[in-house]
């Protein structure tokens, strides 16, 4: 089941009652993986356990890590939630249209990232995601409680997963019925649509492998003077957005890293020759 692979990641949650409520919501909708990044509260406190009700197992199995990259280890896709409009090329999407993307690779871990209750995610933290969603709310009062935001997104994920199951069952029945061939002197063209051809799975690169490439790329670009320390962060955001749109595969990242290593070797070789 694709939902079992989705991690709900909370960055520095401060309210134990929120964490407990989120565990309950996850249990309601069948999600199991809760990851806490540098939590500012005790997820097993009395308040959290009280709000979790029958979802104490979600809290007990929750994983606490120090950094967001640790939380994303092994994930191939990540969507971040944000309430602020940023001047980025990556658009802010509606949860209903964006979240099904997390379920397209049912065998691969994916992540849905939520920020702090008071200020959300920083620009640096948003860099670790490939797509971004904003829950549409009333302009007169746009602020959402963290647990409510998680509930809305979990509902959209479950609904999308159910629709995928219905499609699979529908085509499965169609295939079974197609085995019964009616005897007719004149063959008739069926009016029902043909099931879609199976697509070859695309093995997206895990986000930690992409992050290693970004660090290597930034180091090299600083070394050759393409980037400057005071503007490196903003320029690297553009590179991240570009590569995120490409949805690189693991072998493609390996090829790009090989190019960088060759460039680094050529630079060092040239410097060594110039030293003589």
Protein backbone atom coordinates (compact mmCIF):
# COMPACT_ATOMS: atom_id res chain seq x y z
CA UNK A 1 0.00 0.00 0.00
CA UNK A 2 1.49 3.33 -1.11
CA UNK A 3 0.32 5.16 2.02
CA UNK A 4 2.62 3.01 4.17
CA UNK A 5 5.59 4.59 2.41
CA UNK A 6 4.64 8.22 3.12
CA UNK A 7 6.49 9.87 5.99
CA UNK A 8 4.82 12.71 7.85
CA UNK A 9 7.74 14.94 8.88
CA UNK A 10 7.30 17.64 11.54
CA UNK A 11 10.12 20.17 11.81
CA UNK A 12 10.70 21.36 15.40
CA UNK A 13 7.14 20.84 16.67
CA UNK A 14 6.67 22.74 19.93
CA UNK A 15 3.21 21.66 21.10
CA UNK A 16 2.81 18.16 22.57
CA UNK A 17 -0.96 18.38 22.09
CA UNK A 18 -0.40 19.09 18.40
CA UNK A 19 1.91 16.10 18.07
CA UNK A 20 -0.63 13.87 19.80
CA UNK A 21 -3.45 15.14 17.60
CA UNK A 22 -1.36 14.51 14.49
CA UNK A 23 -0.72 10.93 15.59
CA UNK A 24 -4.48 10.46 15.96
CA UNK A 25 -5.13 11.93 12.51
CA UNK A 26 -2.52 9.66 10.96
CA UNK A 27 -4.13 6.64 12.61
CA UNK A 28 -7.56 7.78 11.32
CA UNK A 29 -6.30 7.79 7.74
CA UNK A 30 -3.96 4.80 7.86
CA UNK A 31 -0.59 6.56 7.79
CA UNK A 32 2.06 5.11 10.07
CA UNK A 33 5.41 6.86 9.71
CA UNK A 34 5.87 9.94 11.88
CA UNK A 35 9.29 11.63 11.91
CA UNK A 36 10.14 14.52 14.25
CA UNK A 37 13.02 16.85 13.40
CA UNK A 38 14.59 18.34 16.54
CA UNK A 39 11.29 18.27 18.49
CA UNK A 40 10.84 21.05 21.03
CA UNK A 41 8.50 18.94 23.16
CA UNK A 42 8.23 15.42 24.51
CA UNK A 43 6.16 13.34 22.04
CA UNK A 44 5.45 10.83 24.82
CA UNK A 45 4.32 13.40 27.36
CA UNK A 46 0.98 13.08 29.15
CA UNK A 47 -0.55 15.80 26.92
CA UNK A 48 0.58 14.12 23.70
CA UNK A 49 -0.61 10.67 24.77
CA UNK A 50 -3.95 12.09 25.90
CA UNK A 51 -4.58 13.74 22.51
CA UNK A 52 -3.45 10.66 20.59
CA UNK A 53 -6.25 8.56 22.20
CA UNK A 54 -5.93 5.19 20.40
CA UNK A 55 -2.90 6.23 18.33
CA UNK A 56 -0.29 5.86 21.06
CA UNK A 57 1.52 3.32 18.87
CA UNK A 58 2.16 6.08 16.29
CA UNK A 59 3.85 8.20 18.97
CA UNK A 60 5.81 5.27 20.36
CA UNK A 61 7.15 4.33 16.93
CA UNK A 62 7.87 7.94 15.89
CA UNK A 63 11.48 8.59 14.90
CA UNK A 64 13.29 11.67 16.21
CA UNK A 65 16.24 13.04 14.21
CA UNK A 66 18.41 16.13 14.42
CA UNK A 67 18.14 17.51 10.88
CA UNK A 68 15.72 17.49 7.96
CA UNK A 69 18.18 15.66 5.65
CA UNK A 70 18.24 12.83 8.20
CA UNK A 71 14.45 12.68 8.12
CA UNK A 72 14.49 12.46 4.32
CA UNK A 73 17.10 9.70 4.16
CA UNK A 74 16.09 7.24 1.42
CA UNK A 75 13.07 9.25 0.20
CA UNK A 76 12.76 9.82 -3.54
CA UNK A 77 10.06 12.51 -3.43
CA UNK A 78 9.22 15.24 -0.95
CA UNK A 79 6.52 17.90 -0.79
CA UNK A 80 6.74 20.79 1.66
CA UNK A 81 3.83 22.82 3.00
CA UNK A 82 4.10 26.59 3.23
CA UNK A 83 1.74 29.49 3.80
CA UNK A 84 4.07 32.18 2.49
CA UNK A 85 4.29 33.27 -1.14
CA UNK A 86 7.87 33.21 -2.37
CA UNK A 87 9.42 34.59 -5.51
CA UNK A 88 10.34 31.15 -6.82
CA UNK A 89 9.90 29.53 -10.19
CA UNK A 90 8.39 26.50 -8.43
CA UNK A 91 4.65 27.17 -8.05
CA UNK A 92 2.58 26.81 -4.90
CA UNK A 93 0.13 24.01 -5.62
CA UNK A 94 -3.18 22.83 -4.22
CA UNK A 95 -2.93 19.70 -2.01
CA UNK A 96 -5.51 17.90 -4.15
CA UNK A 97 -3.44 18.21 -7.32
CA UNK A 98 0.05 17.84 -5.86
CA UNK A 99 -0.19 15.13 -3.18
CA UNK A 100 -1.05 12.21 -5.52
CA UNK A 101 2.48 12.60 -6.87
CA UNK A 102 3.79 11.11 -3.62
CA UNK A 103 1.93 7.86 -4.36
CA UNK A 104 3.15 7.32 -7.92
CA UNK A 105 6.13 5.23 -6.80
CA UNK A 106 4.42 2.89 -4.29
CA UNK A 107 7.62 0.97 -3.52
CA UNK A 108 9.69 4.08 -2.72
CA UNK A 109 9.60 6.13 0.52
CA UNK A 110 8.24 9.66 0.11
CA UNK A 111 7.76 12.57 2.49
CA UNK A 112 5.32 15.31 3.37
CA UNK A 113 7.05 18.07 5.36
CA UNK A 114 5.37 20.44 7.82
CA UNK A 115 7.06 23.41 9.50
CA UNK A 116 6.94 24.99 12.93
CA UNK A 117 3.65 26.13 14.39
CA UNK A 118 4.71 29.78 14.59
CA UNK A 119 6.82 30.36 11.48
CA UNK A 120 6.72 27.31 9.22
CA UNK A 121 9.75 26.21 7.22
CA UNK A 122 12.80 28.32 6.43
CA UNK A 123 13.95 28.89 2.85
CA UNK A 124 16.87 26.56 3.46
CA UNK A 125 14.53 23.80 4.64
CA UNK A 126 12.23 24.31 1.67
CA UNK A 127 15.22 23.62 -0.57
CA UNK A 128 15.03 19.96 0.39
CA UNK A 129 11.58 19.55 -1.19
CA UNK A 130 10.75 19.21 -4.87
CA UNK A 131 7.20 20.54 -4.81
CA UNK A 132 5.32 22.94 -2.54
CA UNK A 133 1.69 23.11 -1.46
CA UNK A 134 -0.43 25.77 0.16
CA UNK A 135 -3.79 24.93 1.65
CA UNK A 136 -6.33 27.48 0.40
CA UNK A 137 -7.99 29.31 3.29
CA UNK A 138 -10.09 32.42 3.83
CA UNK A 139 -8.23 35.70 3.38
CA UNK A 140 -9.89 37.00 6.55
CA UNK A 141 -8.19 34.32 8.67
CA UNK A 142 -5.65 32.23 6.79
CA UNK A 143 -3.69 30.69 9.69
CA UNK A 144 -4.25 26.94 10.16
CA UNK A 145 -3.51 24.84 13.21
CA UNK A 146 -0.68 22.38 12.46
CA UNK A 147 -2.78 19.30 13.25
CA UNK A 148 -5.59 20.61 11.03
CA UNK A 149 -3.17 21.10 8.14
CA UNK A 150 -1.89 17.55 8.56
CA UNK A 151 -5.47 16.23 8.66
CA UNK A 152 -6.39 17.96 5.39
CA UNK A 153 -3.32 16.59 3.62
CA UNK A 154 -3.81 13.07 5.01
CA UNK A 155 -7.40 13.10 3.76
CA UNK A 156 -6.29 14.10 0.26
CA UNK A 157 -3.65 11.36 0.26
CA UNK A 158 -6.15 8.70 1.32
CA UNK A 159 -8.69 9.86 -1.25
CA UNK A 160 -6.09 9.72 -4.01
CA UNK A 161 -4.96 6.26 -2.90
CA UNK A 162 -8.56 5.02 -2.92
CA UNK A 163 -9.11 6.38 -6.42
CA UNK A 164 -5.98 4.56 -7.59
CA UNK A 165 -7.31 1.33 -6.07
CA UNK A 166 -10.66 1.77 -7.83
CA UNK A 167 -8.91 2.30 -11.17
CA UNK A 168 -6.83 -0.84 -10.65
CA UNK A 169 -9.91 -2.90 -9.78
CA UNK A 170 -11.85 -1.49 -12.72
CA UNK A 171 -9.16 -2.50 -15.22
CA UNK A 172 -8.74 -5.84 -13.48
CA UNK A 173 -12.44 -6.62 -13.98
CA UNK A 174 -12.23 -5.46 -17.55
CA UNK A 175 -9.34 -7.84 -18.21
CA UNK A 176 -11.23 -10.75 -16.64
CA UNK A 177 -14.35 -10.07 -18.66
CA UNK A 178 -12.37 -9.78 -21.87
CA UNK A 179 -11.48 -13.47 -21.59
CA UNK A 180 -15.13 -14.34 -22.37
CA UNK A 181 -15.37 -14.16 -26.16
CA UNK A 182 -18.93 -14.09 -27.49
CA UNK A 183 -19.71 -16.34 -30.48
CA UNK A 184 -20.70 -14.08 -33.32
CA UNK A 185 -20.41 -14.40 -37.09
CA UNK A 186 -19.31 -10.79 -37.30
CA UNK A 187 -16.64 -9.64 -34.86
CA UNK A 188 -17.59 -6.43 -33.13
CA UNK A 189 -15.31 -3.66 -31.98
CA UNK A 190 -15.71 -3.23 -28.21
CA UNK A 191 -16.92 0.16 -27.10
CA UNK A 192 -15.18 0.09 -23.70
CA UNK A 193 -11.87 1.93 -23.53
CA UNK A 194 -8.66 -0.07 -23.58
CA UNK A 195 -6.69 -0.25 -20.34
CA UNK A 196 -3.57 1.94 -20.32
CA UNK A 197 -0.30 0.35 -21.30
CA UNK A 198 1.98 -0.31 -18.33
CA UNK A 199 4.70 2.28 -18.00
CA UNK A 200 8.27 1.41 -17.17
CA UNK A 201 8.99 2.44 -13.58
CA UNK A 202 11.33 5.40 -13.20
CA UNK A 203 13.76 4.94 -10.35
CA UNK A 204 14.03 8.45 -8.97
CA UNK A 205 17.21 9.28 -7.11
CA UNK A 206 16.87 9.36 -3.31
CA UNK A 207 16.96 12.89 -1.94
CA UNK A 208 20.09 12.23 0.14
CA UNK A 209 21.97 11.28 -3.04
CA UNK A 210 20.75 14.46 -4.71
CA UNK A 211 21.85 16.47 -1.68
CA UNK A 212 25.37 15.04 -1.92
CA UNK A 213 25.45 16.12 -5.56
CA UNK A 214 24.28 19.65 -4.68
CA UNK A 215 27.01 19.98 -2.05
CA UNK A 216 29.65 18.78 -4.50
CA UNK A 217 28.36 21.13 -7.22
CA UNK A 218 28.34 24.14 -4.89
CA UNK A 219 31.87 23.41 -3.71
CA UNK A 220 33.17 23.23 -7.28
CA UNK A 221 31.31 26.36 -8.43
CA UNK A 222 32.77 28.28 -5.48
CA UNK A 223 36.22 26.99 -6.33
CA UNK A 224 36.11 28.17 -9.95
CA UNK A 225 34.54 31.51 -9.07
CA UNK A 226 31.15 30.94 -10.66
CA UNK A 227 29.54 31.33 -7.24
CA UNK A 228 30.45 33.80 -4.51
CA UNK A 229 29.92 32.98 -0.84
CA UNK A 230 27.43 35.82 -0.26
CA UNK A 231 25.20 34.80 -3.19
CA UNK A 232 25.78 31.02 -3.26
CA UNK A 233 22.58 30.11 -1.39
CA UNK A 234 20.23 31.99 -3.73
CA UNK A 235 22.01 30.76 -6.86
CA UNK A 236 21.96 27.16 -5.65
CA UNK A 237 18.19 27.45 -5.14
CA UNK A 238 17.90 27.93 -8.91
CA UNK A 239 19.98 24.83 -9.58
CA UNK A 240 17.87 22.80 -7.15
CA UNK A 241 14.65 23.92 -8.82
CA UNK A 242 16.02 23.03 -12.24
CA UNK A 243 17.11 19.55 -11.21
CA UNK A 244 13.89 18.94 -9.28
CA UNK A 245 11.90 19.56 -12.45
CA UNK A 246 14.08 16.99 -14.24
CA UNK A 247 13.35 14.27 -11.60
CA UNK A 248 16.81 12.76 -11.97
CA UNK A 249 17.39 9.04 -11.71
CA UNK A 250 20.14 7.55 -9.57
CA UNK A 251 22.31 6.66 -12.54
CA UNK A 252 21.94 10.18 -13.93
CA UNK A 253 23.10 11.69 -10.64
CA UNK A 254 26.07 9.31 -10.69
CA UNK A 255 26.94 10.51 -14.20
CA UNK A 256 26.75 14.17 -13.15
CA UNK A 257 28.92 13.53 -10.10
CA UNK A 258 31.42 11.76 -12.34
CA UNK A 259 31.65 14.89 -14.49
CA UNK A 260 32.28 17.04 -11.41
CA UNK A 261 35.01 14.69 -10.20
CA UNK A 262 36.68 14.84 -13.61
CA UNK A 263 36.57 18.65 -13.58
CA UNK A 264 38.05 18.69 -10.07
CA UNK A 265 40.81 16.33 -11.19
CA UNK A 266 41.58 18.50 -14.24
CA UNK A 267 41.80 21.62 -12.05
CA UNK A 268 44.16 19.96 -9.60
CA UNK A 269 46.28 18.55 -12.44
CA UNK A 270 46.55 21.97 -14.07
CA UNK A 271 47.53 23.58 -10.79
CA UNK A 272 50.20 20.96 -10.22
CA UNK A 273 51.69 21.58 -13.68
CA UNK A 274 51.65 25.34 -13.15
CA UNK A 275 53.60 24.84 -9.92
CA UNK A 276 56.66 23.54 -11.76
